[in-house]
N, C-alpha and C. Protein backbone atom coordinates (compact mmCIF):
# COMPACT_ATOMS: atom_id res chain seq x y z
N MET A 1 4.34 -17.32 3.90
CA MET A 1 3.08 -17.67 4.27
C MET A 1 1.52 -17.08 3.19
N SER A 2 0.89 -18.40 2.57
CA SER A 2 -0.30 -17.75 2.11
C SER A 2 -0.85 -17.07 2.60
N MET A 3 -1.58 -16.03 1.63
CA MET A 3 -2.34 -15.17 2.61
C MET A 3 -4.11 -16.48 3.03
N SER A 4 -4.18 -17.92 2.77
CA SER A 4 -5.08 -18.20 2.74
C SER A 4 -5.67 -18.38 4.51
N GLY A 5 -4.29 -18.07 4.86
CA GLY A 5 -4.12 -19.32 7.04
C GLY A 5 -3.64 -17.54 7.32
N CYS A 6 -4.10 -16.12 6.82
CA CYS A 6 -4.52 -14.97 6.81
C CYS A 6 -5.82 -15.26 7.61
N ALA A 7 -5.89 -13.87 8.77
CA ALA A 7 -7.07 -13.82 9.98
C ALA A 7 -8.13 -12.67 8.82
N PRO A 8 -9.55 -12.64 9.25
CA PRO A 8 -10.04 -12.52 8.04
C PRO A 8 -10.48 -10.28 8.81
N ASP A 9 -9.84 -10.24 9.72
CA ASP A 9 -9.71 -9.31 10.24
C ASP A 9 -8.81 -8.45 9.27
N ASP A 10 -7.64 -9.22 8.90
CA ASP A 10 -6.74 -8.69 8.59
C ASP A 10 -6.34 -8.52 7.45
N PRO A 11 -7.30 -8.51 6.18
CA PRO A 11 -6.58 -9.04 5.53
C PRO A 11 -5.04 -9.89 4.61
N LEU A 12 -4.19 -8.61 5.44
CA LEU A 12 -2.98 -8.25 4.57
C LEU A 12 -2.52 -8.87 5.13
N ALA A 13 -1.96 -10.01 6.55
CA ALA A 13 -1.79 -10.70 7.17
C ALA A 13 -0.99 -11.59 6.13
N GLY A 14 0.20 -11.92 6.26
CA GLY A 14 0.78 -12.63 6.04
C GLY A 14 0.59 -13.41 4.51
N CYS A 15 0.98 -11.79 4.00
CA CYS A 15 0.53 -11.76 2.17
C CYS A 15 1.63 -12.42 1.53
N THR A 16 1.72 -13.01 0.62
CA THR A 16 2.52 -12.86 -0.18
C THR A 16 2.88 -11.65 -1.48
N PRO A 17 4.22 -12.14 -2.03
CA PRO A 17 3.40 -11.23 -3.17
C PRO A 17 3.30 -11.37 -4.14
N LEU A 18 2.33 -10.21 -5.14
CA LEU A 18 1.21 -10.68 -6.13
C LEU A 18 2.20 -11.69 -6.58
N ALA A 19 3.91 -11.53 -6.86
CA ALA A 19 4.16 -12.25 -8.67
C ALA A 19 4.58 -13.70 -7.77
N ARG A 20 4.61 -13.99 -6.50
CA ARG A 20 5.04 -15.44 -6.30
C ARG A 20 3.61 -17.00 -6.56
N GLU A 21 2.31 -15.81 -6.67
CA GLU A 21 1.33 -16.50 -6.43
C GLU A 21 0.15 -15.84 -6.94
N PRO A 22 -0.74 -16.45 -7.52
CA PRO A 22 -1.77 -15.77 -7.27
C PRO A 22 -2.67 -15.69 -6.92
N LEU A 23 -3.26 -14.57 -6.65
CA LEU A 23 -4.57 -14.66 -5.53
C LEU A 23 -5.88 -15.22 -5.55
N SER A 24 -6.38 -15.54 -4.86
CA SER A 24 -7.41 -16.25 -4.72
C SER A 24 -8.64 -15.20 -5.77
N ALA A 25 -10.07 -15.28 -5.55
CA ALA A 25 -10.84 -14.18 -5.75
C ALA A 25 -11.00 -14.02 -4.60
N GLU A 26 -11.80 -14.57 -3.51
CA GLU A 26 -12.33 -14.19 -1.38
C GLU A 26 -10.89 -13.32 -1.21
N GLN A 27 -9.23 -13.51 -1.71
CA GLN A 27 -8.73 -12.60 -1.32
C GLN A 27 -8.37 -11.54 -1.78
N ALA A 28 -9.26 -11.06 -3.50
CA ALA A 28 -8.40 -10.25 -4.28
C ALA A 28 -10.08 -9.73 -3.30
N ALA A 29 -10.86 -9.50 -3.54
CA ALA A 29 -12.35 -9.58 -2.55
C ALA A 29 -11.65 -8.69 -1.56
N ALA A 30 -10.95 -8.86 -0.32
CA ALA A 30 -10.36 -9.04 0.99
C ALA A 30 -9.62 -7.98 0.97
N ILE A 31 -9.17 -7.56 -0.54
CA ILE A 31 -8.07 -6.64 -0.58
C ILE A 31 -8.13 -5.38 -1.52
N ALA A 32 -9.27 -5.39 -2.41
CA ALA A 32 -8.99 -5.00 -3.19
C ALA A 32 -9.90 -2.99 -1.75
N PRO A 33 -10.88 -2.98 -1.14
CA PRO A 33 -11.28 -2.56 -0.26
C PRO A 33 -10.31 -1.45 -0.09
N MET A 34 -9.21 -2.30 0.72
CA MET A 34 -7.49 -0.64 0.79
C MET A 34 -7.51 -0.66 -0.41
N LEU A 35 -7.22 -1.17 -1.32
CA LEU A 35 -5.78 -0.72 -2.81
C LEU A 35 -7.86 1.01 -2.76
N LYS A 36 -8.49 0.55 -3.00
CA LYS A 36 -9.98 1.72 -3.19
C LYS A 36 -9.40 2.72 -2.33
N ALA A 37 -9.90 2.98 -0.99
CA ALA A 37 -8.90 3.43 0.15
C ALA A 37 -8.07 4.27 -0.49
N VAL A 38 -7.13 3.51 -1.15
CA VAL A 38 -4.94 4.52 -1.53
C VAL A 38 -4.71 4.98 -2.47
N ALA A 39 -6.46 4.44 -3.42
CA ALA A 39 -6.02 5.57 -4.53
C ALA A 39 -7.27 6.15 -4.59
N ASP A 40 -7.78 7.03 -3.62
CA ASP A 40 -8.19 8.57 -3.65
C ASP A 40 -7.16 9.17 -3.52
N PRO A 41 -7.02 10.44 -4.41
CA PRO A 41 -5.78 11.49 -4.22
C PRO A 41 -5.69 11.69 -2.52
N VAL A 42 -7.33 12.61 -2.54
CA VAL A 42 -6.98 13.19 -0.53
C VAL A 42 -6.97 11.68 0.03
N ARG A 43 -7.37 11.06 -0.44
CA ARG A 43 -6.81 9.75 1.06
C ARG A 43 -4.92 9.57 0.72
N LEU A 44 -4.99 9.79 -0.51
CA LEU A 44 -3.42 9.30 -0.06
C LEU A 44 -2.74 10.11 0.08
N ARG A 45 -2.95 11.46 0.10
CA ARG A 45 -2.38 12.53 0.67
C ARG A 45 -2.50 12.41 2.13
N LEU A 46 -3.19 12.31 2.50
CA LEU A 46 -3.67 12.39 4.24
C LEU A 46 -3.07 10.98 4.77
N LEU A 47 -2.59 9.59 4.23
CA LEU A 47 -1.84 9.09 4.46
C LEU A 47 -0.39 9.02 4.88
N SER A 48 0.29 10.09 3.57
CA SER A 48 1.74 10.58 4.01
C SER A 48 1.42 11.69 4.84
N LEU A 49 0.26 12.26 5.19
CA LEU A 49 0.74 13.54 5.54
C LEU A 49 0.71 12.54 7.11
N VAL A 50 -0.15 11.28 7.65
CA VAL A 50 0.00 11.29 8.25
C VAL A 50 1.59 10.69 8.96
N LEU A 51 1.99 9.70 7.74
CA LEU A 51 2.45 9.59 8.26
C LEU A 51 4.62 9.98 8.43
N SER A 52 4.44 11.63 7.76
CA SER A 52 5.49 12.19 7.64
C SER A 52 4.88 13.03 9.21
N HIS A 53 3.73 13.00 9.85
CA HIS A 53 4.11 13.79 10.85
C HIS A 53 4.42 14.14 12.13
N GLN A 54 5.25 14.67 12.51
CA GLN A 54 5.85 14.68 13.79
C GLN A 54 4.84 13.79 14.94
N ASP A 55 6.26 12.22 14.95
CA ASP A 55 5.68 11.49 15.85
C ASP A 55 4.34 10.44 14.87
N GLY A 56 4.60 10.11 13.71
CA GLY A 56 4.08 9.50 13.04
C GLY A 56 2.39 9.83 13.53
N GLU A 57 1.92 10.98 14.01
CA GLU A 57 0.86 10.79 14.22
C GLU A 57 -0.16 12.37 15.04
N ALA A 58 -1.08 12.44 13.72
CA ALA A 58 -2.19 13.82 13.62
C ALA A 58 -2.95 13.98 13.77
N CYS A 59 -4.09 14.76 13.93
CA CYS A 59 -5.96 15.30 14.33
C CYS A 59 -5.96 15.77 12.99
N VAL A 60 -7.28 15.99 12.37
CA VAL A 60 -8.07 16.87 12.45
C VAL A 60 -7.56 17.75 11.82
N CYS A 61 -6.90 18.30 13.04
CA CYS A 61 -7.07 20.06 13.20
C CYS A 61 -5.50 19.93 12.33
N ASP A 62 -4.51 18.77 12.43
CA ASP A 62 -3.34 19.20 11.70
C ASP A 62 -2.89 18.56 10.53
N LEU A 63 -4.18 18.08 10.64
CA LEU A 63 -4.21 17.44 8.46
C LEU A 63 -4.95 19.20 7.68
N GLN A 64 -5.96 19.61 8.00
CA GLN A 64 -6.81 20.26 7.36
C GLN A 64 -6.12 21.75 7.09
N PRO A 65 -5.32 21.87 7.11
CA PRO A 65 -4.45 22.99 6.60
C PRO A 65 -4.40 22.41 5.36
N ALA A 66 -4.07 21.49 4.68
CA ALA A 66 -3.21 20.61 3.48
C ALA A 66 -4.25 21.12 2.61
N PHE A 67 -5.29 21.16 2.87
CA PHE A 67 -6.61 20.59 1.84
C PHE A 67 -7.20 22.22 1.32
N ASP A 68 -7.92 22.08 0.99
CA ASP A 68 -9.52 22.61 0.60
C ASP A 68 -10.61 22.46 1.01
N LEU A 69 -10.98 21.58 1.94
CA LEU A 69 -11.48 20.98 2.38
C LEU A 69 -12.13 21.17 4.30
N SER A 70 -13.48 20.64 4.14
CA SER A 70 -14.32 21.17 5.28
C SER A 70 -13.35 19.62 6.40
N GLN A 71 -13.43 19.99 7.68
CA GLN A 71 -13.04 19.16 8.65
C GLN A 71 -13.97 18.29 8.49
N PRO A 72 -15.04 18.22 8.38
CA PRO A 72 -16.02 16.80 8.35
C PRO A 72 -15.85 15.69 7.02
N THR A 73 -15.50 16.49 5.79
CA THR A 73 -14.73 15.60 4.84
C THR A 73 -13.64 15.53 4.62
N ILE A 74 -12.80 15.99 5.97
CA ILE A 74 -11.51 15.38 5.99
C ILE A 74 -11.68 13.92 7.11
N SER A 75 -12.95 14.52 7.96
CA SER A 75 -13.00 13.14 8.77
C SER A 75 -13.63 11.88 8.41
N HIS A 76 -14.40 12.77 7.29
CA HIS A 76 -14.94 11.46 6.41
C HIS A 76 -13.88 10.66 6.20
N HIS A 77 -13.23 11.00 4.79
CA HIS A 77 -11.53 10.64 4.70
C HIS A 77 -10.63 9.07 5.00
N LEU A 78 -10.75 9.99 6.11
CA LEU A 78 -9.65 9.14 8.03
C LEU A 78 -10.32 8.04 8.14
N LYS A 79 -11.90 8.34 8.39
CA LYS A 79 -12.60 7.32 8.87
C LYS A 79 -13.32 6.15 7.50
N VAL A 80 -12.62 6.61 6.05
CA VAL A 80 -12.19 4.81 5.72
C VAL A 80 -11.56 4.81 5.17
N LEU A 81 -9.90 5.70 5.52
CA LEU A 81 -8.76 4.74 5.98
C LEU A 81 -8.68 4.02 6.81
N HIS A 82 -9.85 3.95 7.83
CA HIS A 82 -9.95 4.20 9.37
C HIS A 82 -10.20 2.52 8.99
N ASP A 83 -11.69 2.22 8.51
CA ASP A 83 -12.45 1.05 8.36
C ASP A 83 -11.37 -0.03 7.63
N ALA A 84 -10.49 1.23 6.43
CA ALA A 84 -9.97 -0.80 5.87
C ALA A 84 -9.00 -1.11 6.62
N GLY A 85 -8.43 -0.93 7.13
CA GLY A 85 -7.43 -1.12 8.30
C GLY A 85 -6.12 -0.81 7.68
N LEU A 86 -5.90 0.66 7.11
CA LEU A 86 -5.15 1.62 7.42
C LEU A 86 -4.33 2.40 8.21
N LEU A 87 -5.10 3.02 9.06
CA LEU A 87 -4.53 4.04 10.11
C LEU A 87 -5.70 3.67 11.19
N HIS A 88 -4.86 3.75 12.53
CA HIS A 88 -4.85 3.15 13.86
C HIS A 88 -6.05 4.88 14.54
N ARG A 89 -6.85 5.00 15.17
CA ARG A 89 -6.64 6.60 15.60
C ARG A 89 -7.50 5.73 17.17
N GLU A 90 -7.19 6.99 17.69
CA GLU A 90 -6.74 6.79 19.39
C GLU A 90 -8.32 8.49 19.87
N LYS A 91 -9.04 8.38 20.37
CA LYS A 91 -9.82 10.25 20.80
C LYS A 91 -8.88 10.30 21.87
N ARG A 92 -9.22 11.14 21.99
CA ARG A 92 -7.75 12.43 23.72
C ARG A 92 -8.89 13.36 23.21
N GLY A 93 -9.80 13.57 25.13
CA GLY A 93 -10.28 14.73 24.34
C GLY A 93 -11.51 15.07 23.38
N VAL A 94 -11.20 16.21 22.60
CA VAL A 94 -12.68 16.03 21.99
C VAL A 94 -12.05 15.53 19.83
N TRP A 95 -10.26 15.25 20.38
CA TRP A 95 -9.29 14.88 19.20
C TRP A 95 -9.66 13.30 19.34
N VAL A 96 -9.52 13.35 17.38
CA VAL A 96 -9.04 12.12 17.84
C VAL A 96 -7.50 12.40 17.08
N TYR A 97 -6.70 11.05 17.73
CA TYR A 97 -5.58 11.28 16.29
C TYR A 97 -5.49 9.82 15.99
N TYR A 98 -4.61 10.51 14.71
CA TYR A 98 -4.46 8.83 13.40
C TYR A 98 -2.70 8.07 13.47
N ARG A 99 -2.80 7.42 13.63
CA ARG A 99 -1.22 6.80 13.45
C ARG A 99 -1.63 6.14 12.59
N VAL A 100 -0.47 5.68 11.23
CA VAL A 100 -0.64 4.07 10.34
C VAL A 100 -0.51 3.25 10.69
N ARG A 101 -1.18 2.47 10.35
CA ARG A 101 -0.73 1.12 11.22
C ARG A 101 0.55 -0.01 10.64
N PRO A 102 1.39 0.41 11.34
CA PRO A 102 3.08 -0.17 10.43
C PRO A 102 3.10 -1.72 9.97
N GLU A 103 2.23 -2.56 10.47
CA GLU A 103 2.17 -3.88 9.90
C GLU A 103 0.83 -4.20 8.48
N ALA A 104 0.70 -2.44 8.15
CA ALA A 104 -0.13 -2.68 7.04
C ALA A 104 0.62 -2.12 6.18
N MET A 105 1.60 -1.09 6.08
CA MET A 105 2.36 -0.95 5.18
C MET A 105 3.29 -2.29 4.82
N GLN A 106 3.24 -2.43 5.83
CA GLN A 106 4.52 -4.11 6.12
C GLN A 106 4.25 -4.28 4.71
N ALA A 107 2.64 -5.10 5.35
CA ALA A 107 2.27 -5.60 4.47
C ALA A 107 1.66 -5.36 2.63
N PHE A 108 1.77 -4.47 2.16
CA PHE A 108 1.41 -3.27 1.57
C PHE A 108 3.13 -3.62 0.72
N LEU A 109 4.08 -3.32 0.57
CA LEU A 109 5.72 -3.49 0.59
C LEU A 109 5.54 -5.25 0.02
N THR A 110 5.32 -6.24 0.56
CA THR A 110 5.18 -7.42 0.83
C THR A 110 4.36 -7.96 -0.75
N LEU A 111 2.89 -7.19 -0.16
CA LEU A 111 2.21 -7.88 -1.64
C LEU A 111 2.92 -7.77 -2.49
N PHE A 112 3.45 -6.38 -2.92
CA PHE A 112 3.87 -5.36 -4.10
C PHE A 112 5.42 -5.64 -3.61
N ALA A 113 5.86 -6.46 -3.40
CA ALA A 113 6.91 -7.09 -4.11
C ALA A 113 7.33 -7.27 -4.74
N ALA A 114 8.37 -6.78 -5.28
CA ALA A 114 9.39 -7.32 -6.87
C ALA A 114 9.59 -8.80 -7.28
N VAL A 115 9.53 -9.40 -8.19
CA VAL A 115 10.56 -10.24 -8.48
C VAL A 115 11.05 -10.26 -9.16
N PRO A 116 13.15 -10.88 -8.99
CA PRO A 116 14.07 -10.24 -9.14
C PRO A 116 13.47 -10.53 -10.66
N ASP A 117 14.33 -10.07 -11.87
CA ASP A 117 14.43 -9.87 -12.86
C ASP A 117 15.80 -10.43 -13.30
N PRO A 118 15.16 -11.98 -13.71
CA PRO A 118 16.62 -13.04 -14.58
C PRO A 118 17.48 -12.25 -15.40
N LEU A 119 17.05 -10.86 -16.20
CA LEU A 119 18.08 -10.30 -16.86
C LEU A 119 18.55 -9.10 -15.91
N VAL A 120 18.50 -9.32 -15.08
CA VAL A 120 18.98 -8.14 -14.17
C VAL A 120 20.16 -9.27 -12.95
N ASP A 121 21.68 -8.69 -13.13
CA ASP A 121 22.17 -9.46 -11.91
C ASP A 121 21.58 -9.48 -10.33
N ALA A 122 23.51 -9.63 -9.74
CA ALA A 122 22.52 -9.22 -8.36
C ALA A 122 22.96 -8.00 -7.72
N THR A 123 24.15 -7.23 -9.00
CA THR A 123 24.09 -5.53 -8.54
C THR A 123 23.02 -4.96 -9.48
N GLY A 124 22.48 -5.12 -10.22
CA GLY A 124 21.29 -3.80 -10.32
C GLY A 124 21.45 -3.91 -11.80
N VAL A 125 22.86 -4.48 -12.07
CA VAL A 125 23.34 -4.62 -14.12
C VAL A 125 22.85 -5.37 -14.87
N ALA A 126 22.37 -4.47 -16.13
CA ALA A 126 21.50 -5.85 -16.51
C ALA A 126 22.86 -6.19 -17.19
N THR A 127 21.93 -8.04 -17.06
CA THR A 127 22.81 -8.78 -18.02
C THR A 127 22.46 -8.36 -19.68
N THR A 128 23.59 -8.70 -20.89
CA THR A 128 23.66 -8.76 -22.19
C THR A 128 23.07 -10.85 -22.16
N THR A 129 22.65 -10.41 -23.23
CA THR A 129 22.28 -11.89 -24.24
C THR A 129 22.51 -11.62 -25.53
N THR A 130 22.70 -12.55 -26.11
CA THR A 130 23.56 -12.55 -27.77
C THR A 130 21.71 -13.76 -28.33
N THR A 131 21.42 -12.62 -28.98
CA THR A 131 21.20 -13.59 -30.09
C THR A 131 21.39 -13.16 -31.50
N ALA A 132 21.28 -14.68 -31.80
CA ALA A 132 22.58 -14.49 -33.23
C ALA A 132 21.24 -14.10 -34.66
N THR A 133 21.55 -13.42 -35.32
CA THR A 133 20.38 -12.51 -35.84
C THR A 133 21.03 -12.57 -36.97
N THR A 134 19.92 -12.66 -38.69
CA THR A 134 20.18 -13.39 -40.30
C THR A 134 20.51 -11.61 -40.18
N THR A 135 20.53 -11.43 -41.42
CA THR A 135 20.92 -10.49 -42.11
C THR A 135 19.61 -9.22 -41.82
N ALA A 136 19.04 -10.16 -42.22
CA ALA A 136 17.75 -9.40 -42.67
C ALA A 136 16.82 -8.95 -40.48
N GLY A 137 17.44 -9.13 -39.69
CA GLY A 137 17.46 -8.61 -38.66
C GLY A 137 16.90 -9.21 -37.60
N ALA A 138 15.59 -10.60 -38.78
CA ALA A 138 15.49 -11.40 -37.81
C ALA A 138 15.89 -12.69 -37.07
N PRO A 139 16.06 -13.41 -36.22
CA PRO A 139 16.54 -13.98 -35.28
C PRO A 139 16.89 -15.81 -36.26
N ALA A 140 18.06 -16.56 -36.16
CA ALA A 140 18.53 -16.95 -37.34
C ALA A 140 17.85 -18.16 -36.80
């Protein structure tokens, strides 16, 4: 399904691989904030830590020890990831717990899905192509 039919509040919904069809200017503008969110090393690490945390969720108190950053800075980065649609958050008492949105991760996988290489067969073995060459090394 093409992204052109996706909901405006979820730009990655219904993504097609980049290599299958070009993005429109509107689609690129909608996806860019999500890519910018994970382009920051701290946010990329936070996403990884939340994904790999027990039960797939974590609060700032769980994440802060992995960084030499203040709690407000960690919270800011988590907010950016949430605002980009990559994290779900749930307030429990005084803590906010974050969980990665599985549909966002799946959409990223789809978006960056590789196109089969015509020079590699189904088993992953490179196929050989023979090209006749002259003695000078140029194609015949």
